[in-house]
Amino acid sequence: MILERSMHPGWLSNTYLVADKAGGHGVLIDTGGPFEPIAKIIEEQRITITHILNTHHHIDHISENGRYAEMSGAPICAHQSEQFLIDGCTECLEHGAEIKSGELRIKALHIPGHTCGQLAFLVDGLGVFTGDTLFAGSIGGTRAPGHTTFDDIQNSLMNTLMTLPKETVVYPGHTVETTIGEEWETNPFIRTFRGLESAGQKDCFAFGQPAILKVLAKDYDGGTKAWVQFKESGEDSVVPGSRVKTQ
């Protein structure tokens, strides 16, 4: 299998090329990374692109869709709830949808939370591309455009992604890869969801509102990510640590 990645220097978002072999078939997963390095490999390896797969509709994951579609003629694919948020999207995917690309077998997993139509893509049962739901040491936020709820992202993490075999390689939407087993054991959010660590009770302000800080962890961009509970509404949310101020 051929697996290549390009990462945007500002957004730190990844484009992945996954192909069965040189001269074979492959897919693109998200297109927010630099176009030229991936396009060069596609040409040099004579890969026929069959699908452009989007984990979700945010611009840092779809910015080069049009160029890849023009280059390859492949359909742009996304969850049905986000079809009209992605220019040129012509193929809708539901949870459990199976995509064939040459010898590759790819399964779409609906993992809402960060966005309503967030998808992960499980390739040949060996690697999972998690978009903005699971990162190395962190998880996705629930305040971005099109988000759903904290309960959704917790369910997506614990009852979909964490049920995969521990050796499954995780290819996040931003920065470096990890494994399901590594995140199961070391990710502060996952450990707290498992009850291995107690949720904090520190008073704070999040987005200027009184809240309780439950978890604060390093994020993929060198900053932090926080799980907070707003005091007035009782709502739980995963937010950028930069928007949290402790007393």
Protein backbone atom coordinates (compact mmCIF):
# COMPACT_ATOMS: atom_id res chain seq x y z
CA MET A 1 0.00 0.00 0.00
CA ILE A 2 1.11 3.55 -0.74
CA LEU A 3 0.45 6.15 1.97
CA GLU A 4 1.59 9.75 1.56
CA ARG A 5 0.79 12.90 3.54
CA SER A 6 1.13 16.63 3.01
CA MET A 7 0.54 19.11 5.85
CA HIS A 8 -0.41 22.76 5.58
CA PRO A 9 2.23 24.92 7.31
CA GLY A 10 -0.34 27.22 8.89
CA TRP A 11 -3.43 25.12 9.49
CA LEU A 12 -1.36 21.97 10.22
CA SER A 13 -4.10 20.09 8.36
CA ASN A 14 -3.29 16.90 6.47
CA THR A 15 -4.05 15.60 3.01
CA TYR A 16 -3.60 11.86 2.70
CA LEU A 17 -3.08 9.83 -0.45
CA VAL A 18 -3.86 6.15 0.03
CA ALA A 19 -3.33 3.78 -2.90
CA ASP A 20 -3.14 0.03 -3.37
CA LYS A 21 0.07 0.06 -5.47
CA ALA A 22 2.04 1.93 -8.10
CA GLY A 23 0.03 1.96 -11.28
CA GLY A 24 -3.07 1.10 -9.26
CA HIS A 25 -5.96 2.92 -7.65
CA GLY A 26 -6.31 5.19 -4.65
CA VAL A 27 -8.23 7.83 -2.76
CA LEU A 28 -7.55 11.24 -1.28
CA ILE A 29 -8.67 11.87 2.29
CA ASP A 30 -9.15 15.57 3.02
CA THR A 31 -7.48 18.18 0.85
CA GLY A 32 -6.30 20.94 3.19
CA GLY A 33 -2.61 20.14 2.81
CA PRO A 34 -0.38 21.43 0.01
CA PHE A 35 -1.54 20.23 -3.41
CA GLU A 36 1.72 19.98 -5.35
CA PRO A 37 3.57 17.23 -3.39
CA ILE A 38 0.58 14.87 -3.54
CA ALA A 39 -0.20 15.66 -7.17
CA LYS A 40 3.42 14.89 -8.08
CA ILE A 41 3.28 11.48 -6.40
CA ILE A 42 -0.02 10.65 -8.11
CA GLU A 43 1.56 11.40 -11.47
CA GLU A 44 4.88 9.66 -10.78
CA GLN A 45 3.23 6.53 -9.38
CA ARG A 46 0.56 6.50 -12.12
CA ILE A 47 -2.26 6.25 -9.57
CA THR A 48 -5.88 6.47 -10.67
CA ILE A 49 -7.79 8.45 -8.03
CA THR A 50 -11.29 7.01 -7.60
CA HIS A 51 -12.65 9.12 -4.72
CA ILE A 52 -11.99 12.39 -2.90
CA LEU A 53 -13.13 11.68 0.65
CA ASN A 54 -13.88 14.54 3.04
CA THR A 55 -14.06 13.94 6.79
CA HIS A 56 -16.02 17.20 7.22
CA HIS A 57 -16.77 20.56 5.64
CA HIS A 58 -14.30 22.95 7.30
CA ILE A 59 -12.12 24.87 4.85
CA ASP A 60 -8.84 23.50 6.19
CA HIS A 61 -9.98 20.04 5.09
CA ILE A 62 -11.54 20.76 1.69
CA SER A 63 -9.58 23.69 0.22
CA GLU A 64 -8.03 21.73 -2.67
CA ASN A 65 -11.07 19.61 -3.55
CA GLY A 66 -11.59 21.42 -6.82
CA ARG A 67 -8.03 21.01 -8.06
CA TYR A 68 -7.99 17.31 -7.28
CA ALA A 69 -11.40 16.82 -8.91
CA GLU A 70 -10.25 18.61 -12.05
CA MET A 71 -7.04 16.59 -12.10
CA SER A 72 -8.62 13.18 -11.54
CA GLY A 73 -12.30 13.38 -12.46
CA ALA A 74 -13.03 11.60 -9.16
CA PRO A 75 -16.22 12.36 -7.21
CA ILE A 76 -16.08 14.50 -4.07
CA CYS A 77 -17.64 12.50 -1.23
CA ALA A 78 -18.91 13.48 2.23
CA HIS A 79 -21.58 12.63 4.76
CA GLN A 80 -25.05 13.36 3.46
CA SER A 81 -25.70 16.00 6.13
CA GLU A 82 -22.80 18.12 4.82
CA GLN A 83 -23.26 17.65 1.07
CA PHE A 84 -24.49 21.19 0.50
CA LEU A 85 -21.69 22.69 2.60
CA ILE A 86 -19.01 21.34 0.25
CA ASP A 87 -18.78 22.75 -3.28
CA GLY A 88 -18.89 20.04 -5.91
CA CYS A 89 -19.86 17.23 -3.57
CA THR A 90 -21.65 14.64 -5.70
CA GLU A 91 -21.56 11.49 -3.60
CA CYS A 92 -23.10 11.12 -0.13
CA LEU A 93 -21.90 8.59 2.42
CA GLU A 94 -23.70 7.14 5.41
CA HIS A 95 -22.36 5.26 8.42
CA GLY A 96 -21.09 1.87 7.29
CA ALA A 97 -20.80 2.79 3.62
CA GLU A 98 -18.10 0.76 1.86
CA ILE A 99 -15.86 2.32 -0.77
CA LYS A 100 -13.81 0.21 -3.17
CA SER A 101 -10.69 1.61 -4.80
CA GLY A 102 -8.75 -1.05 -6.63
CA GLU A 103 -7.69 -3.49 -3.93
CA LEU A 104 -8.48 -1.06 -1.09
CA ARG A 105 -11.60 -1.52 1.01
CA ILE A 106 -12.64 1.57 2.94
CA LYS A 107 -15.45 1.86 5.47
CA ALA A 108 -17.05 5.19 6.40
CA LEU A 109 -17.77 5.68 10.11
CA HIS A 110 -20.09 8.50 11.21
CA ILE A 111 -18.53 10.16 14.25
CA PRO A 112 -20.47 13.39 14.95
CA GLY A 113 -19.47 15.96 17.54
CA HIS A 114 -16.93 18.27 15.97
CA THR A 115 -19.43 18.59 13.11
CA CYS A 116 -22.77 16.95 12.42
CA GLY A 117 -21.46 15.00 9.43
CA GLN A 118 -17.98 14.16 10.68
CA LEU A 119 -16.70 10.92 9.15
CA ALA A 120 -13.77 8.64 9.81
CA PHE A 121 -12.44 6.30 7.14
CA LEU A 122 -11.22 2.82 8.08
CA VAL A 123 -8.88 1.48 5.39
CA ASP A 124 -8.49 -2.30 5.09
CA GLY A 125 -9.19 -2.56 8.82
CA LEU A 126 -5.64 -1.39 9.55
CA GLY A 127 -5.67 2.40 9.65
CA VAL A 128 -8.36 4.92 10.52
CA PHE A 129 -8.45 8.53 9.32
CA THR A 130 -10.19 10.45 12.10
CA GLY A 131 -10.54 14.02 10.82
CA ASP A 132 -10.98 16.39 13.75
CA THR A 133 -12.36 13.90 16.27
CA LEU A 134 -9.22 12.20 17.59
CA PHE A 135 -5.66 13.54 17.62
CA ALA A 136 -2.45 12.33 19.20
CA GLY A 137 -3.04 13.23 22.86
CA SER A 138 -6.17 15.29 22.29
CA ILE A 139 -9.69 15.31 20.81
CA GLY A 140 -11.78 17.59 18.64
CA GLY A 141 -13.65 20.63 19.86
CA THR A 142 -17.41 21.09 20.00
CA ARG A 143 -17.59 24.83 19.30
CA ALA A 144 -16.62 24.96 15.61
CA PRO A 145 -19.15 25.77 12.84
CA GLY A 146 -21.63 22.93 12.42
CA HIS A 147 -20.77 21.27 15.74
CA THR A 148 -23.19 19.05 17.64
CA THR A 149 -22.72 18.11 21.31
CA PHE A 150 -20.21 16.93 23.87
CA ASP A 151 -22.27 13.75 24.31
CA ASP A 152 -21.95 13.10 20.58
CA ILE A 153 -18.18 13.40 20.47
CA GLN A 154 -17.78 11.32 23.63
CA ASN A 155 -19.98 8.62 22.12
CA SER A 156 -18.10 8.77 18.80
CA LEU A 157 -14.80 8.37 20.60
CA MET A 158 -15.71 5.68 23.10
CA ASN A 159 -18.29 3.63 21.22
CA THR A 160 -16.88 3.83 17.69
CA LEU A 161 -13.19 4.71 17.52
CA MET A 162 -12.04 3.14 20.80
CA THR A 163 -13.73 -0.14 19.89
CA LEU A 164 -11.28 -0.62 17.01
CA PRO A 165 -8.32 -2.98 17.58
CA LYS A 166 -5.63 -1.34 19.69
CA GLU A 167 -3.02 -1.75 16.92
CA THR A 168 -5.09 0.31 14.48
CA VAL A 169 -3.03 3.27 13.28
CA VAL A 170 -4.77 6.64 13.68
CA TYR A 171 -4.19 9.25 10.98
CA PRO A 172 -5.65 12.51 12.34
CA GLY A 173 -6.79 15.53 10.39
CA HIS A 174 -3.90 17.50 11.92
CA THR A 175 -0.24 16.64 12.54
CA VAL A 176 1.15 13.28 13.56
CA GLU A 177 -0.19 9.74 13.62
CA THR A 178 -0.82 7.63 16.69
CA THR A 179 -2.63 4.36 17.49
CA ILE A 180 -5.91 3.46 19.13
CA GLY A 181 -3.97 1.66 21.86
CA GLU A 182 -1.76 4.67 22.56
CA GLU A 183 -4.77 6.98 22.90
CA TRP A 184 -6.65 4.43 25.01
CA GLU A 185 -3.81 4.40 27.51
CA THR A 186 -2.45 7.96 27.48
CA ASN A 187 -4.96 10.46 26.06
CA PRO A 188 -6.16 12.55 29.06
CA PHE A 189 -9.71 12.85 27.70
CA ILE A 190 -10.03 9.13 27.00
CA ARG A 191 -8.57 8.22 30.38
CA THR A 192 -11.10 10.49 32.11
CA PHE A 193 -13.97 9.05 30.07
CA ARG A 194 -12.78 5.59 31.18
CA GLY A 195 -12.82 6.65 34.84
CA LEU A 196 -9.07 6.16 35.23
CA GLU A 197 -8.64 9.83 36.11
CA SER A 198 -11.07 12.08 37.94
CA ALA A 199 -12.56 15.06 36.14
CA GLY A 200 -11.32 18.32 37.62
CA GLN A 201 -13.50 20.75 39.55
CA LYS A 202 -11.50 23.97 39.15
CA ASP A 203 -13.47 27.17 38.66
CA CYS A 204 -12.74 29.01 35.43
CA PHE A 205 -14.20 31.26 32.77
CA ALA A 206 -14.70 29.85 29.25
CA PHE A 207 -15.68 32.25 26.51
CA GLY A 208 -16.25 34.72 29.36
CA GLN A 209 -18.80 32.51 31.11
CA PRO A 210 -18.40 30.90 34.57
CA ALA A 211 -17.46 27.24 34.13
CA ILE A 212 -15.78 24.24 35.71
CA LEU A 213 -12.54 22.97 34.17
CA LYS A 214 -12.72 19.18 33.86
CA VAL A 215 -9.68 18.36 31.67
CA LEU A 216 -6.87 20.46 30.22
CA ALA A 217 -4.44 18.77 27.83
CA LYS A 218 -1.86 19.61 25.18
CA ASP A 219 -3.34 20.00 21.71
CA TYR A 220 -1.91 19.19 18.28
CA ASP A 221 -0.91 22.81 17.58
CA GLY A 222 1.22 23.29 20.69
CA GLY A 223 -1.62 24.94 22.60
CA THR A 224 -4.16 23.25 24.83
CA LYS A 225 -7.66 21.81 24.62
CA ALA A 226 -10.12 21.85 27.51
CA TRP A 227 -13.25 20.07 28.62
CA VAL A 228 -15.40 22.53 30.53
CA GLN A 229 -18.87 22.54 32.03
CA PHE A 230 -20.70 25.87 31.91
CA LYS A 231 -22.22 26.63 35.30
CA GLU A 232 -25.35 28.42 34.13
CA SER A 233 -26.52 25.86 31.57
CA GLY A 234 -24.77 22.73 32.84
CA GLU A 235 -23.58 22.16 29.25
CA ASP A 236 -20.31 20.29 28.70
CA SER A 237 -18.08 21.39 25.85
CA VAL A 238 -14.61 20.81 24.41
CA VAL A 239 -13.01 24.19 23.71
CA PRO A 240 -9.64 25.74 22.88
CA GLY A 241 -7.59 26.19 26.02
CA SER A 242 -6.88 29.75 24.91
CA ARG A 243 -10.51 30.58 25.61
CA VAL A 244 -10.31 29.34 29.20
CA LYS A 245 -9.17 31.52 32.09
CA THR A 246 -8.65 30.10 35.55
CA GLN A 247 -9.15 32.19 38.69
